[in-house]
Amino acid sequence: MKACSDKVSSAGSMGGNLRQPTKLVDVKPRYPEQLAEAGIGGVLVFAARIGTDGTVTDLQTTTGGNPDLELAAGNAIRQWEFTPTLLNCIAIEVPMTITVSFKPAQ
């Protein structure tokens, strides 16, 4: 097994060594059928954190629209999993911004 520092890169102005998270589980949002058929779409923006265990925490909609689209996107995002983000070989929480687009068929 490789040492933590083997996969660590410089974090620039942050100081220390940072290993960025990698997405392990990517669940795609399910477009609600009734909204897709009605041609209702939108772009949603979420603020969240990747916890020290690589799970998504503190998910909040920052720009939304239709509550059914927000629910569909949120349900998918909550299932995402990442490798932990390491700062000097210690797992840390990191913020992330997520944009999800629902585009009706034309």
Protein backbone atom coordinates (compact mmCIF):
# COMPACT_ATOMS: atom_id res chain seq x y z
CA MET A 1 0.00 0.00 0.00
CA LYS A 2 1.31 3.44 -0.90
CA ALA A 3 1.99 6.06 1.73
CA CYS A 4 -0.36 9.00 1.85
CA SER A 5 2.31 11.38 0.55
CA ASP A 6 2.79 9.29 -2.62
CA LYS A 7 -0.44 10.68 -4.10
CA VAL A 8 -0.38 14.16 -2.59
CA SER A 9 0.20 17.37 -4.50
CA SER A 10 0.98 20.88 -3.40
CA ALA A 11 -2.05 22.84 -2.27
CA GLY A 12 -0.62 26.20 -3.30
CA SER A 13 -1.75 29.06 -1.06
CA MET A 14 -3.58 26.68 1.29
CA GLY A 15 -0.31 25.29 2.62
CA GLY A 16 0.42 21.65 3.24
CA ASN A 17 -0.24 18.71 0.97
CA LEU A 18 -3.72 18.12 -0.40
CA ARG A 19 -5.14 14.98 -2.03
CA GLN A 20 -8.30 15.90 -3.93
CA PRO A 21 -11.41 13.71 -3.64
CA THR A 22 -12.32 11.26 -6.39
CA LYS A 23 -15.94 10.30 -7.00
CA LEU A 24 -16.48 6.60 -6.34
CA VAL A 25 -20.28 6.43 -6.64
CA ASP A 26 -22.11 8.63 -9.18
CA VAL A 27 -25.89 8.36 -9.14
CA LYS A 28 -27.61 10.31 -11.92
CA PRO A 29 -30.82 12.21 -11.06
CA ARG A 30 -34.05 10.71 -12.42
CA TYR A 31 -35.98 13.28 -14.43
CA PRO A 32 -39.57 13.13 -13.08
CA GLU A 33 -41.58 11.70 -15.96
CA GLN A 34 -44.53 14.09 -15.60
CA LEU A 35 -42.19 17.12 -15.75
CA ALA A 36 -40.25 15.77 -18.72
CA GLU A 37 -43.50 15.12 -20.61
CA ALA A 38 -44.72 18.64 -19.77
CA GLY A 39 -41.44 20.15 -21.00
CA ILE A 40 -40.57 21.53 -17.56
CA GLY A 41 -36.85 21.73 -16.92
CA GLY A 42 -34.39 23.87 -15.08
CA VAL A 43 -30.93 24.35 -13.69
CA LEU A 44 -30.40 23.79 -9.98
CA VAL A 45 -27.37 24.72 -7.91
CA PHE A 46 -26.58 23.06 -4.59
CA ALA A 47 -24.05 23.76 -1.86
CA ALA A 48 -22.77 20.71 0.00
CA ARG A 49 -19.81 19.31 1.86
CA ILE A 50 -17.82 16.16 1.32
CA GLY A 51 -17.45 14.71 4.81
CA THR A 52 -14.31 13.13 6.19
CA ASP A 53 -15.76 9.72 5.26
CA GLY A 54 -16.38 10.78 1.62
CA THR A 55 -20.17 11.10 1.90
CA VAL A 56 -22.17 14.18 0.91
CA THR A 57 -23.40 16.23 3.87
CA ASP A 58 -25.17 19.56 4.42
CA LEU A 59 -26.86 19.56 1.00
CA GLN A 60 -28.76 22.79 0.40
CA THR A 61 -30.33 24.27 -2.72
CA THR A 62 -28.85 27.68 -3.50
CA THR A 63 -30.62 28.20 -6.83
CA GLY A 64 -33.70 26.17 -7.57
CA GLY A 65 -37.04 26.22 -9.17
CA ASN A 66 -39.38 23.30 -9.29
CA PRO A 67 -39.49 21.42 -5.96
CA ASP A 68 -39.87 18.05 -7.75
CA LEU A 69 -36.64 18.69 -9.69
CA GLU A 70 -34.89 19.72 -6.47
CA LEU A 71 -36.05 16.51 -4.80
CA ALA A 72 -34.91 14.32 -7.71
CA ALA A 73 -31.48 15.96 -7.86
CA GLY A 74 -31.03 15.95 -4.08
CA ASN A 75 -31.93 12.26 -3.81
CA ALA A 76 -29.24 11.40 -6.36
CA ILE A 77 -26.55 13.68 -4.89
CA ARG A 78 -27.02 12.27 -1.39
CA GLN A 79 -25.99 8.85 -2.76
CA TRP A 80 -22.67 10.09 -4.17
CA GLU A 81 -19.51 8.85 -2.48
CA PHE A 82 -15.97 10.16 -2.74
CA THR A 83 -12.55 9.21 -1.51
CA PRO A 84 -11.77 11.31 1.56
CA THR A 85 -10.02 14.61 0.94
CA LEU A 86 -6.67 14.50 2.70
CA LEU A 87 -4.72 17.49 3.95
CA ASN A 88 -1.29 16.42 5.21
CA CYS A 89 -2.65 12.83 5.29
CA ILE A 90 -5.60 13.80 7.53
CA ALA A 91 -9.19 13.52 6.23
CA ILE A 92 -10.94 16.90 6.12
CA GLU A 93 -14.38 18.18 5.10
CA VAL A 94 -14.49 20.28 1.95
CA PRO A 95 -17.23 22.42 0.41
CA MET A 96 -18.48 21.79 -3.09
CA THR A 97 -20.94 23.38 -5.49
CA ILE A 98 -23.06 21.10 -7.66
CA THR A 99 -25.03 22.14 -10.74
CA VAL A 100 -27.72 19.84 -12.13
CA SER A 101 -29.57 20.53 -15.39
CA PHE A 102 -32.87 19.00 -16.41
CA LYS A 103 -33.51 19.64 -20.11
CA PRO A 104 -36.76 18.48 -21.70
CA ALA A 105 -36.55 16.66 -25.03
CA GLN A 106 -37.26 18.84 -28.02
